[in-house]
Amino acid sequence: MKIGIIGAGHIGGTLTRRLRALGHQVTVANSRGPQTLTDLVAETGAEAATADEAAKTGEVVIVSVPLRAVPDLPAEAFTGKIVIDTNNYYPQRDGHIASIDAKRATSSRWVADLLPGARVVKAFNTIYADHLMQLGRPPDRRDRIALPVAGDDAEAKRIVMGLVEELGFDPVDAGSLDDSWRQEPETPVYGSDRDATGVREGLAAAKL
């Protein structure tokens, strides 16, 4: 699969490494330009590009930049794309976003509103990067970690859940983008490395 990754930090860099190791064709971009990705490209064989190029190239595009940077992305380039939003909202880093603070929108709904032509799915926001790198397990392992996946588009969500499975984690359907607050920071599933049953229980126990 052709995958664009925008953001080469902890999660974006880890997904570049893992997805390349699985044989996917990865194009990666960051805010500082392709020339700053030399080491990651040499390590993984990914292709460095601009954000616009990564979005246009990928069948699936992973957005792994601070939430405050999403308004600067080339929204038109995401039209028709499956977009995986790995972000979390941290006001101390992102500044205050009124609709999220007032709980009128989840952070992923806010992203989807900024990328109106995209099919946004929230995933990979609950796991630490080093665990994402090291703790993928075969399907028959009892210690397999589960990851919640939320989105409005059933086909997009199915494809993202397939990637989660391929990376060695159990995907759990977490509902719509409007339900995705249940997997955001300060909820039971955030950073907790639960199994599938535990993730379902954690999602159900989450409180606004």
N, C-alpha and C. Protein backbone atom coordinates (compact mmCIF):
# COMPACT_ATOMS: atom_id res chain seq x y z
N MET A 1 0.84 -1.19 0.00
CA MET A 1 0.00 0.00 0.00
C MET A 1 0.88 1.25 0.00
N LYS A 2 0.43 2.28 -0.67
CA LYS A 2 1.13 3.57 -0.65
C LYS A 2 0.62 4.38 0.54
N ILE A 3 1.54 4.73 1.41
CA ILE A 3 1.18 5.43 2.64
C ILE A 3 1.99 6.72 2.74
N GLY A 4 1.29 7.82 2.92
CA GLY A 4 1.94 9.09 3.20
C GLY A 4 1.93 9.34 4.69
N ILE A 5 3.04 9.82 5.22
CA ILE A 5 3.12 10.13 6.65
C ILE A 5 3.59 11.57 6.78
N ILE A 6 2.79 12.37 7.43
CA ILE A 6 3.13 13.78 7.65
C ILE A 6 3.43 13.95 9.13
N GLY A 7 4.71 14.17 9.40
CA GLY A 7 5.20 14.22 10.77
C GLY A 7 6.16 13.07 11.00
N ALA A 8 7.39 13.39 11.39
CA ALA A 8 8.41 12.36 11.57
C ALA A 8 8.92 12.34 13.00
N GLY A 9 8.05 12.73 13.93
CA GLY A 9 8.41 12.68 15.35
C GLY A 9 8.23 11.29 15.91
N HIS A 10 7.84 11.20 17.18
CA HIS A 10 7.81 9.90 17.86
C HIS A 10 6.88 8.91 17.15
N ILE A 11 5.62 9.27 16.96
CA ILE A 11 4.67 8.34 16.35
C ILE A 11 4.88 8.25 14.84
N GLY A 12 5.03 9.40 14.17
CA GLY A 12 5.23 9.39 12.72
C GLY A 12 6.49 8.65 12.32
N GLY A 13 7.58 8.87 13.04
CA GLY A 13 8.82 8.17 12.74
C GLY A 13 8.72 6.68 13.00
N THR A 14 8.04 6.32 14.08
CA THR A 14 7.85 4.90 14.40
C THR A 14 7.01 4.21 13.34
N LEU A 15 5.93 4.85 12.91
CA LEU A 15 5.09 4.25 11.87
C LEU A 15 5.84 4.17 10.54
N THR A 16 6.70 5.12 10.25
CA THR A 16 7.53 5.03 9.05
C THR A 16 8.38 3.77 9.12
N ARG A 17 9.02 3.54 10.25
CA ARG A 17 9.89 2.36 10.40
C ARG A 17 9.09 1.07 10.33
N ARG A 18 7.99 1.00 11.06
CA ARG A 18 7.22 -0.24 11.12
C ARG A 18 6.57 -0.58 9.78
N LEU A 19 5.97 0.43 9.14
CA LEU A 19 5.26 0.17 7.90
C LEU A 19 6.22 -0.13 6.76
N ARG A 20 7.38 0.49 6.75
CA ARG A 20 8.39 0.14 5.74
C ARG A 20 8.87 -1.29 5.94
N ALA A 21 9.06 -1.68 7.20
CA ALA A 21 9.51 -3.04 7.49
C ALA A 21 8.49 -4.08 7.04
N LEU A 22 7.23 -3.68 6.98
CA LEU A 22 6.17 -4.57 6.51
C LEU A 22 6.01 -4.54 4.99
N GLY A 23 6.81 -3.72 4.33
CA GLY A 23 6.80 -3.70 2.87
C GLY A 23 5.94 -2.64 2.22
N HIS A 24 5.37 -1.75 3.00
CA HIS A 24 4.56 -0.69 2.42
C HIS A 24 5.45 0.39 1.80
N GLN A 25 4.93 1.04 0.80
CA GLN A 25 5.63 2.15 0.15
C GLN A 25 5.29 3.43 0.91
N VAL A 26 6.28 3.98 1.59
CA VAL A 26 6.04 5.10 2.50
C VAL A 26 6.70 6.37 1.98
N THR A 27 5.93 7.44 1.94
CA THR A 27 6.44 8.78 1.66
C THR A 27 6.25 9.60 2.91
N VAL A 28 7.33 10.19 3.41
CA VAL A 28 7.28 10.88 4.70
C VAL A 28 7.65 12.35 4.53
N ALA A 29 6.98 13.18 5.29
CA ALA A 29 7.21 14.62 5.25
C ALA A 29 7.24 15.17 6.68
N ASN A 30 7.89 16.33 6.82
CA ASN A 30 7.83 17.04 8.09
C ASN A 30 7.77 18.53 7.82
N SER A 31 7.75 19.32 8.87
CA SER A 31 7.59 20.77 8.70
C SER A 31 8.88 21.45 8.26
N ARG A 32 10.01 20.77 8.39
CA ARG A 32 11.31 21.41 8.09
C ARG A 32 11.82 21.12 6.69
N GLY A 33 11.11 20.26 5.95
CA GLY A 33 11.51 20.00 4.57
C GLY A 33 12.18 18.66 4.37
N PRO A 34 12.09 18.11 3.15
CA PRO A 34 12.62 16.77 2.87
C PRO A 34 14.11 16.62 3.16
N GLN A 35 14.87 17.70 3.04
CA GLN A 35 16.32 17.62 3.23
C GLN A 35 16.68 17.29 4.68
N THR A 36 15.75 17.45 5.61
CA THR A 36 16.03 17.14 7.02
C THR A 36 15.71 15.69 7.37
N LEU A 37 15.23 14.92 6.41
CA LEU A 37 14.81 13.53 6.67
C LEU A 37 15.82 12.51 6.15
N THR A 38 17.04 12.96 5.88
CA THR A 38 18.07 12.09 5.28
C THR A 38 18.31 10.83 6.11
N ASP A 39 18.44 10.98 7.42
CA ASP A 39 18.75 9.82 8.26
C ASP A 39 17.61 8.82 8.27
N LEU A 40 16.37 9.30 8.40
CA LEU A 40 15.22 8.39 8.41
C LEU A 40 15.07 7.68 7.07
N VAL A 41 15.30 8.40 5.99
CA VAL A 41 15.23 7.80 4.65
C VAL A 41 16.30 6.72 4.49
N ALA A 42 17.51 7.02 4.94
CA ALA A 42 18.61 6.04 4.83
C ALA A 42 18.33 4.80 5.67
N GLU A 43 17.72 5.00 6.83
CA GLU A 43 17.42 3.88 7.72
C GLU A 43 16.32 2.99 7.19
N THR A 44 15.29 3.60 6.60
CA THR A 44 14.06 2.86 6.29
C THR A 44 13.82 2.59 4.81
N GLY A 45 14.42 3.42 3.94
CA GLY A 45 14.09 3.32 2.52
C GLY A 45 12.82 4.06 2.15
N ALA A 46 12.27 4.83 3.09
CA ALA A 46 11.12 5.67 2.76
C ALA A 46 11.56 6.79 1.83
N GLU A 47 10.61 7.43 1.19
CA GLU A 47 10.90 8.56 0.32
C GLU A 47 10.53 9.84 1.05
N ALA A 48 11.43 10.82 1.03
CA ALA A 48 11.16 12.11 1.65
C ALA A 48 10.44 13.02 0.67
N ALA A 49 9.52 13.83 1.18
CA ALA A 49 8.71 14.69 0.31
C ALA A 49 8.18 15.86 1.12
N THR A 50 7.47 16.74 0.44
CA THR A 50 6.72 17.80 1.13
C THR A 50 5.41 17.21 1.64
N ALA A 51 4.74 17.95 2.51
CA ALA A 51 3.44 17.49 3.02
C ALA A 51 2.44 17.34 1.88
N ASP A 52 2.46 18.26 0.95
CA ASP A 52 1.55 18.19 -0.19
C ASP A 52 1.80 16.92 -1.00
N GLU A 53 3.07 16.62 -1.25
CA GLU A 53 3.42 15.42 -2.02
C GLU A 53 3.05 14.15 -1.27
N ALA A 54 3.31 14.12 0.04
CA ALA A 54 2.99 12.92 0.82
C ALA A 54 1.49 12.67 0.84
N ALA A 55 0.71 13.74 0.95
CA ALA A 55 -0.75 13.58 0.96
C ALA A 55 -1.27 13.11 -0.39
N LYS A 56 -0.73 13.66 -1.45
CA LYS A 56 -1.20 13.27 -2.78
C LYS A 56 -0.76 11.87 -3.16
N THR A 57 0.38 11.43 -2.65
CA THR A 57 0.93 10.11 -3.02
C THR A 57 0.23 8.98 -2.30
N GLY A 58 -0.13 9.19 -1.03
CA GLY A 58 -0.62 8.10 -0.21
C GLY A 58 -2.06 7.71 -0.50
N GLU A 59 -2.31 6.40 -0.53
CA GLU A 59 -3.69 5.92 -0.50
C GLU A 59 -4.27 6.14 0.90
N VAL A 60 -3.41 5.96 1.89
CA VAL A 60 -3.70 6.30 3.28
C VAL A 60 -2.67 7.34 3.69
N VAL A 61 -3.13 8.39 4.38
CA VAL A 61 -2.23 9.44 4.82
C VAL A 61 -2.32 9.55 6.34
N ILE A 62 -1.19 9.41 6.99
CA ILE A 62 -1.12 9.50 8.45
C ILE A 62 -0.71 10.92 8.83
N VAL A 63 -1.53 11.57 9.62
CA VAL A 63 -1.22 12.92 10.09
C VAL A 63 -0.77 12.81 11.54
N SER A 64 0.50 13.09 11.76
CA SER A 64 1.10 12.94 13.08
C SER A 64 1.92 14.18 13.42
N VAL A 65 1.24 15.31 13.35
CA VAL A 65 1.85 16.60 13.70
C VAL A 65 1.09 17.16 14.89
N PRO A 66 1.68 18.09 15.64
CA PRO A 66 0.91 18.71 16.71
C PRO A 66 -0.39 19.30 16.17
N LEU A 67 -1.42 19.24 16.98
CA LEU A 67 -2.74 19.68 16.52
C LEU A 67 -2.71 21.12 16.02
N ARG A 68 -1.89 21.94 16.64
CA ARG A 68 -1.82 23.35 16.23
C ARG A 68 -1.34 23.53 14.80
N ALA A 69 -0.66 22.51 14.24
CA ALA A 69 -0.11 22.59 12.89
C ALA A 69 -1.09 22.13 11.82
N VAL A 70 -2.20 21.52 12.21
CA VAL A 70 -3.13 20.98 11.21
C VAL A 70 -3.71 22.07 10.30
N PRO A 71 -4.04 23.28 10.82
CA PRO A 71 -4.58 24.30 9.90
C PRO A 71 -3.61 24.71 8.81
N ASP A 72 -2.32 24.43 8.98
CA ASP A 72 -1.32 24.80 7.97
C ASP A 72 -1.15 23.73 6.88
N LEU A 73 -1.80 22.59 7.04
CA LEU A 73 -1.67 21.53 6.03
C LEU A 73 -2.43 21.90 4.76
N PRO A 74 -1.98 21.39 3.60
CA PRO A 74 -2.65 21.69 2.32
C PRO A 74 -3.93 20.88 2.19
N ALA A 75 -5.03 21.41 2.67
CA ALA A 75 -6.27 20.65 2.81
C ALA A 75 -6.73 20.00 1.50
N GLU A 76 -6.52 20.69 0.37
CA GLU A 76 -7.00 20.15 -0.91
C GLU A 76 -6.31 18.83 -1.25
N ALA A 77 -5.07 18.67 -0.80
CA ALA A 77 -4.32 17.46 -1.13
C ALA A 77 -4.88 16.21 -0.47
N PHE A 78 -5.74 16.39 0.54
CA PHE A 78 -6.29 15.26 1.28
C PHE A 78 -7.66 14.82 0.74
N THR A 79 -8.15 15.48 -0.27
CA THR A 79 -9.48 15.16 -0.79
C THR A 79 -9.56 13.71 -1.25
N GLY A 80 -10.51 12.99 -0.72
CA GLY A 80 -10.71 11.59 -1.08
C GLY A 80 -9.80 10.61 -0.38
N LYS A 81 -8.88 11.10 0.43
CA LYS A 81 -7.91 10.22 1.09
C LYS A 81 -8.44 9.70 2.42
N ILE A 82 -8.00 8.50 2.77
CA ILE A 82 -8.18 8.00 4.13
C ILE A 82 -7.09 8.63 4.97
N VAL A 83 -7.48 9.38 5.98
CA VAL A 83 -6.52 10.09 6.83
C VAL A 83 -6.58 9.51 8.24
N ILE A 84 -5.44 9.04 8.71
CA ILE A 84 -5.35 8.56 10.09
C ILE A 84 -4.84 9.70 10.96
N ASP A 85 -5.68 10.13 11.87
CA ASP A 85 -5.31 11.19 12.81
C ASP A 85 -4.76 10.54 14.08
N THR A 86 -3.46 10.72 14.33
CA THR A 86 -2.83 10.14 15.52
C THR A 86 -2.73 11.15 16.66
N ASN A 87 -3.31 12.34 16.46
CA ASN A 87 -3.06 13.46 17.36
C ASN A 87 -3.82 13.36 18.67
N ASN A 88 -3.29 14.07 19.65
CA ASN A 88 -3.99 14.37 20.88
C ASN A 88 -3.93 15.87 21.12
N TYR A 89 -4.93 16.37 21.78
CA TYR A 89 -5.01 17.81 22.08
C TYR A 89 -4.36 18.08 23.43
N TYR A 90 -3.30 18.88 23.39
CA TYR A 90 -2.63 19.32 24.61
C TYR A 90 -2.61 20.85 24.60
N PRO A 91 -3.49 21.50 25.34
CA PRO A 91 -3.57 22.96 25.29
C PRO A 91 -2.24 23.65 25.60
N GLN A 92 -1.43 23.06 26.47
CA GLN A 92 -0.16 23.67 26.82
C GLN A 92 0.80 23.69 25.64
N ARG A 93 0.59 22.82 24.67
CA ARG A 93 1.40 22.79 23.45
C ARG A 93 0.69 23.44 22.28
N ASP A 94 -0.60 23.17 22.15
CA ASP A 94 -1.35 23.56 20.96
C ASP A 94 -2.05 24.91 21.09
N GLY A 95 -2.04 25.48 22.30
CA GLY A 95 -2.90 26.64 22.53
C GLY A 95 -4.33 26.17 22.72
N HIS A 96 -5.18 27.07 23.14
CA HIS A 96 -6.57 26.68 23.41
C HIS A 96 -7.41 26.74 22.14
N ILE A 97 -8.16 25.67 21.90
CA ILE A 97 -9.08 25.58 20.77
C ILE A 97 -10.48 25.56 21.35
N ALA A 98 -11.23 26.61 21.10
CA ALA A 98 -12.49 26.85 21.83
C ALA A 98 -13.48 25.70 21.71
N SER A 99 -13.67 25.16 20.52
CA SER A 99 -14.69 24.12 20.34
C SER A 99 -14.32 22.83 21.06
N ILE A 100 -13.01 22.55 21.16
CA ILE A 100 -12.58 21.36 21.90
C ILE A 100 -12.67 21.61 23.39
N ASP A 101 -12.24 22.79 23.84
CA ASP A 101 -12.33 23.12 25.26
C ASP A 101 -13.77 23.05 25.75
N ALA A 102 -14.70 23.49 24.91
CA ALA A 102 -16.12 23.50 25.29
C ALA A 102 -16.80 22.16 25.08
N LYS A 103 -16.01 21.18 24.59
CA LYS A 103 -16.52 19.83 24.32
C LYS A 103 -17.63 19.82 23.27
N ARG A 104 -17.58 20.82 22.38
CA ARG A 104 -18.50 20.82 21.23
C ARG A 104 -17.96 19.94 20.12
N ALA A 105 -16.67 19.65 20.14
CA ALA A 105 -16.04 18.81 19.11
C ALA A 105 -14.91 18.02 19.73
N THR A 106 -14.75 16.78 19.27
CA THR A 106 -13.53 16.04 19.61
C THR A 106 -12.38 16.59 18.77
N SER A 107 -11.17 16.30 19.16
CA SER A 107 -10.02 16.80 18.40
C SER A 107 -10.04 16.25 16.97
N SER A 108 -10.47 15.01 16.79
CA SER A 108 -10.50 14.44 15.45
C SER A 108 -11.63 15.00 14.60
N ARG A 109 -12.75 15.36 15.22
CA ARG A 109 -13.81 16.05 14.48
C ARG A 109 -13.29 17.41 14.02
N TRP A 110 -12.54 18.08 14.87
CA TRP A 110 -11.93 19.37 14.51
C TRP A 110 -10.99 19.20 13.32
N VAL A 111 -10.18 18.14 13.33
CA VAL A 111 -9.29 17.85 12.20
C VAL A 111 -10.12 17.59 10.94
N ALA A 112 -11.16 16.78 11.06
CA ALA A 112 -12.01 16.46 9.90
C ALA A 112 -12.65 17.71 9.32
N ASP A 113 -13.02 18.64 10.17
CA ASP A 113 -13.61 19.89 9.67
C ASP A 113 -12.60 20.71 8.89
N LEU A 114 -11.33 20.62 9.27
CA LEU A 114 -10.27 21.34 8.57
C LEU A 114 -9.87 20.65 7.27
N LEU A 115 -10.13 19.35 7.17
CA LEU A 115 -9.81 18.57 5.96
C LEU A 115 -11.12 18.00 5.41
N PRO A 116 -12.00 18.85 4.89
CA PRO A 116 -13.38 18.44 4.60
C PRO A 116 -13.52 17.37 3.53
N GLY A 117 -12.52 17.18 2.69
CA GLY A 117 -12.62 16.15 1.66
C GLY A 117 -12.06 14.82 2.08
N ALA A 118 -11.54 14.73 3.30
CA ALA A 118 -10.85 13.52 3.76
C ALA A 118 -11.79 12.59 4.51
N ARG A 119 -11.40 11.33 4.58
CA ARG A 119 -12.13 10.32 5.34
C ARG A 119 -11.30 10.04 6.59
N VAL A 120 -11.57 10.79 7.65
CA VAL A 120 -10.70 10.80 8.83
C VAL A 120 -11.04 9.66 9.79
N VAL A 121 -9.99 9.00 10.25
CA VAL A 121 -10.10 7.92 11.23
C VAL A 121 -9.09 8.23 12.34
N LYS A 122 -9.50 8.09 13.58
CA LYS A 122 -8.59 8.31 14.70
C LYS A 122 -8.01 6.98 15.16
N ALA A 123 -6.67 6.90 15.21
CA ALA A 123 -6.00 5.68 15.66
C ALA A 123 -4.57 6.02 16.07
N PHE A 124 -3.96 5.12 16.81
CA PHE A 124 -2.55 5.23 17.24
C PHE A 124 -2.30 6.39 18.20
N ASN A 125 -3.35 6.99 18.74
CA ASN A 125 -3.15 8.12 19.66
C ASN A 125 -3.05 7.68 21.11
N THR A 126 -3.34 6.41 21.39
CA THR A 126 -3.39 5.96 22.79
C THR A 126 -2.14 5.20 23.21
N ILE A 127 -1.22 4.95 22.31
CA ILE A 127 -0.08 4.10 22.61
C ILE A 127 1.22 4.90 22.55
N TYR A 128 2.13 4.59 23.46
CA TYR A 128 3.45 5.23 23.44
C TYR A 128 4.24 4.74 22.23
N ALA A 129 5.09 5.62 21.70
CA ALA A 129 5.82 5.30 20.48
C ALA A 129 6.71 4.08 20.65
N ASP A 130 7.39 3.96 21.79
CA ASP A 130 8.27 2.80 21.96
C ASP A 130 7.49 1.51 22.06
N HIS A 131 6.27 1.56 22.60
CA HIS A 131 5.42 0.37 22.64
C HIS A 131 4.90 0.03 21.25
N LEU A 132 4.58 1.06 20.47
CA LEU A 132 4.18 0.84 19.08
C LEU A 132 5.30 0.19 18.29
N MET A 133 6.51 0.55 18.61
CA MET A 133 7.67 -0.01 17.91
C MET A 133 7.94 -1.46 18.33
N GLN A 134 7.81 -1.74 19.62
CA GLN A 134 8.35 -2.99 20.16
C GLN A 134 7.32 -4.04 20.57
N LEU A 135 6.08 -3.65 20.79
CA LEU A 135 5.13 -4.56 21.44
C LEU A 135 4.07 -5.15 20.52
N GLY A 136 4.23 -5.05 19.21
CA GLY A 136 3.34 -5.77 18.32
C GLY A 136 3.50 -7.27 18.50
N ARG A 137 2.41 -8.00 18.47
CA ARG A 137 2.44 -9.44 18.75
C ARG A 137 1.57 -10.20 17.74
N PRO A 138 1.85 -11.49 17.52
CA PRO A 138 0.99 -12.31 16.65
C PRO A 138 -0.42 -12.43 17.24
N PRO A 139 -1.40 -12.76 16.40
CA PRO A 139 -2.80 -12.79 16.86
C PRO A 139 -3.08 -13.75 18.00
N ASP A 140 -2.28 -14.80 18.15
CA ASP A 140 -2.59 -15.81 19.16
C ASP A 140 -1.96 -15.51 20.53
N ARG A 141 -1.30 -14.39 20.66
CA ARG A 141 -0.64 -14.06 21.93
C ARG A 141 -1.62 -13.45 22.92
N ARG A 142 -1.60 -13.93 24.15
CA ARG A 142 -2.51 -13.40 25.17
C ARG A 142 -2.13 -12.00 25.61
N ASP A 143 -0.87 -11.62 25.40
CA ASP A 143 -0.42 -10.29 25.82
C ASP A 143 -0.53 -9.26 24.70
N ARG A 144 -1.35 -9.55 23.69
CA ARG A 144 -1.48 -8.62 22.57
C ARG A 144 -2.26 -7.37 22.99
N ILE A 145 -1.68 -6.23 22.71
CA ILE A 145 -2.30 -4.94 23.02
C ILE A 145 -3.37 -4.62 21.98
N ALA A 146 -4.45 -3.99 22.42
CA ALA A 146 -5.51 -3.55 21.51
C ALA A 146 -5.49 -2.04 21.39
N LEU A 147 -5.87 -1.55 20.21
CA LEU A 147 -5.92 -0.12 19.94
C LEU A 147 -7.30 0.28 19.45
N PRO A 148 -7.90 1.32 20.02
CA PRO A 148 -9.20 1.79 19.55
C PRO A 148 -9.08 2.53 18.23
N VAL A 149 -10.08 2.35 17.38
CA VAL A 149 -10.12 2.99 16.06
C VAL A 149 -11.50 3.60 15.88
N ALA A 150 -11.55 4.93 15.70
CA ALA A 150 -12.84 5.62 15.58
C ALA A 150 -12.93 6.34 14.24
N GLY A 151 -14.12 6.33 13.65
CA GLY A 151 -14.31 7.03 12.38
C GLY A 151 -15.74 6.91 11.90
N ASP A 152 -16.11 7.76 10.95
CA ASP A 152 -17.47 7.77 10.42
C ASP A 152 -17.63 6.92 9.17
N ASP A 153 -16.53 6.70 8.45
CA ASP A 153 -16.56 6.00 7.17
C ASP A 153 -16.20 4.54 7.42
N ALA A 154 -17.16 3.64 7.21
CA ALA A 154 -16.97 2.22 7.56
C ALA A 154 -15.82 1.60 6.78
N GLU A 155 -15.72 1.90 5.49
CA GLU A 155 -14.64 1.31 4.68
C GLU A 155 -13.29 1.84 5.13
N ALA A 156 -13.19 3.14 5.37
CA ALA A 156 -11.93 3.72 5.83
C ALA A 156 -11.51 3.10 7.16
N LYS A 157 -12.47 2.94 8.04
CA LYS A 157 -12.17 2.36 9.35
C LYS A 157 -11.70 0.92 9.19
N ARG A 158 -12.33 0.17 8.29
CA ARG A 158 -11.91 -1.22 8.07
C ARG A 158 -10.47 -1.29 7.58
N ILE A 159 -10.08 -0.39 6.68
CA ILE A 159 -8.72 -0.40 6.15
C ILE A 159 -7.72 -0.04 7.25
N VAL A 160 -8.06 0.94 8.06
CA VAL A 160 -7.17 1.32 9.16
C VAL A 160 -7.06 0.20 10.18
N MET A 161 -8.16 -0.46 10.47
CA MET A 161 -8.12 -1.58 11.40
C MET A 161 -7.25 -2.71 10.86
N GLY A 162 -7.23 -2.86 9.53
CA GLY A 162 -6.35 -3.85 8.92
C GLY A 162 -4.89 -3.51 9.14
N LEU A 163 -4.53 -2.23 9.06
CA LEU A 163 -3.16 -1.82 9.33
C LEU A 163 -2.78 -2.04 10.79
N VAL A 164 -3.71 -1.75 11.69
CA VAL A 164 -3.48 -2.00 13.11
C VAL A 164 -3.17 -3.47 13.34
N GLU A 165 -3.99 -4.33 12.73
CA GLU A 165 -3.80 -5.78 12.82
C GLU A 165 -2.44 -6.18 12.27
N GLU A 166 -2.09 -5.64 11.12
CA GLU A 166 -0.82 -5.98 10.47
C GLU A 166 0.37 -5.59 11.33
N LEU A 167 0.24 -4.52 12.08
CA LEU A 167 1.31 -4.04 12.95
C LEU A 167 1.42 -4.85 14.25
N GLY A 168 0.48 -5.76 14.47
CA GLY A 168 0.59 -6.65 15.62
C GLY A 168 -0.27 -6.25 16.81
N PHE A 169 -1.35 -5.53 16.56
CA PHE A 169 -2.24 -5.09 17.63
C PHE A 169 -3.68 -5.46 17.27
N ASP A 170 -4.52 -5.63 18.28
CA ASP A 170 -5.93 -5.92 18.05
C ASP A 170 -6.70 -4.62 17.86
N PRO A 171 -7.33 -4.41 16.69
CA PRO A 171 -8.14 -3.21 16.51
C PRO A 171 -9.50 -3.36 17.18
N VAL A 172 -9.93 -2.31 17.84
CA VAL A 172 -11.25 -2.29 18.48
C VAL A 172 -12.04 -1.13 17.90
N ASP A 173 -13.22 -1.41 17.40
CA ASP A 173 -14.08 -0.37 16.84
C ASP A 173 -14.56 0.53 17.99
N ALA A 174 -14.14 1.81 17.93
CA ALA A 174 -14.46 2.75 19.01
C ALA A 174 -15.57 3.71 18.62
N GLY A 175 -16.31 3.40 17.54
CA GLY A 175 -17.43 4.24 17.16
C GLY A 175 -17.05 5.34 16.19
N SER A 176 -17.80 6.41 16.23
CA SER A 176 -17.65 7.52 15.29
C SER A 176 -16.59 8.51 15.76
N LEU A 177 -16.29 9.50 14.92
CA LEU A 177 -15.38 10.57 15.34
C LEU A 177 -15.93 11.32 16.56
N ASP A 178 -17.24 11.43 16.63
CA ASP A 178 -17.83 12.11 17.78
C ASP A 178 -17.71 11.27 19.06
N ASP A 179 -17.46 9.97 18.91
CA ASP A 179 -17.22 9.11 20.06
C ASP A 179 -15.75 9.07 20.46
N SER A 180 -14.88 9.66 19.66
CA SER A 180 -13.44 9.47 19.85
C SER A 180 -12.89 10.15 21.09
N TRP A 181 -13.70 10.98 21.77
CA TRP A 181 -13.26 11.52 23.06
C TRP A 181 -12.98 10.39 24.05
N ARG A 182 -13.59 9.25 23.84
CA ARG A 182 -13.41 8.12 24.75
C ARG A 182 -12.00 7.53 24.71
N GLN A 183 -11.19 7.92 23.71
CA GLN A 183 -9.82 7.43 23.62
C GLN A 183 -8.80 8.56 23.72
N GLU A 184 -9.25 9.73 24.15
CA GLU A 184 -8.37 10.88 24.26
C GLU A 184 -7.66 10.89 25.62
N PRO A 185 -6.69 11.80 25.83
CA PRO A 185 -6.00 11.86 27.11
C PRO A 185 -6.96 11.97 28.29
N GLU A 186 -6.53 11.35 29.41
CA GLU A 186 -7.28 11.33 30.67
C GLU A 186 -8.50 10.42 30.62
N THR A 187 -8.51 9.49 29.67
CA THR A 187 -9.53 8.44 29.66
C THR A 187 -8.86 7.11 30.02
N PRO A 188 -9.65 6.08 30.39
CA PRO A 188 -9.06 4.82 30.84
C PRO A 188 -8.15 4.13 29.82
N VAL A 189 -8.45 4.27 28.52
CA VAL A 189 -7.65 3.52 27.54
C VAL A 189 -6.37 4.24 27.14
N TYR A 190 -6.25 5.51 27.46
CA TYR A 190 -5.11 6.30 27.00
C TYR A 190 -3.83 5.84 27.70
N GLY A 191 -2.88 5.34 26.90
CA GLY A 191 -1.59 4.91 27.43
C GLY A 191 -1.62 3.70 28.33
N SER A 192 -2.69 2.90 28.25
CA SER A 192 -2.88 1.84 29.25
C SER A 192 -2.52 0.43 28.76
N ASP A 193 -2.27 0.26 27.46
CA ASP A 193 -1.84 -1.05 26.93
C ASP A 193 -2.79 -2.18 27.32
N ARG A 194 -4.07 -1.97 27.15
CA ARG A 194 -5.07 -2.99 27.48
C ARG A 194 -5.25 -3.98 26.34
N ASP A 195 -5.80 -5.14 26.67
CA ASP A 195 -6.20 -6.07 25.62
C ASP A 195 -7.56 -5.63 25.08
N ALA A 196 -8.10 -6.38 24.11
CA ALA A 196 -9.33 -5.95 23.45
C ALA A 196 -10.50 -5.81 24.43
N THR A 197 -10.63 -6.77 25.34
CA THR A 197 -11.70 -6.68 26.34
C THR A 197 -11.50 -5.45 27.22
N GLY A 198 -10.26 -5.21 27.61
CA GLY A 198 -9.96 -4.05 28.45
C GLY A 198 -10.22 -2.74 27.74
N VAL A 199 -9.92 -2.68 26.44
CA VAL A 199 -10.19 -1.45 25.68
C VAL A 199 -11.68 -1.21 25.60
N ARG A 200 -12.45 -2.24 25.31
CA ARG A 200 -13.91 -2.06 25.25
C ARG A 200 -14.46 -1.59 26.59
N GLU A 201 -13.96 -2.18 27.67
CA GLU A 201 -14.42 -1.76 28.99
C GLU A 201 -14.00 -0.33 29.29
N GLY A 202 -12.77 0.03 28.88
CA GLY A 202 -12.28 1.38 29.11
C GLY A 202 -13.06 2.41 28.32
N LEU A 203 -13.37 2.10 27.08
CA LEU A 203 -14.17 3.03 26.27
C LEU A 203 -15.54 3.25 26.92
N ALA A 204 -16.15 2.17 27.40
CA ALA A 204 -17.48 2.27 28.00
C ALA A 204 -17.44 3.05 29.32
N ALA A 205 -16.31 2.98 30.02
CA ALA A 205 -16.20 3.64 31.33
C ALA A 205 -15.80 5.11 31.23
N ALA A 206 -15.37 5.57 30.05
CA ALA A 206 -14.89 6.95 29.90
C ALA A 206 -15.99 7.95 30.23
N LYS A 207 -15.60 9.06 30.82
CA LYS A 207 -16.55 10.11 31.20
C LYS A 207 -16.06 11.45 30.69
N LEU A 208 -16.98 12.25 30.17
CA LEU A 208 -16.65 13.60 29.74
C LEU A 208 -16.39 14.50 30.95
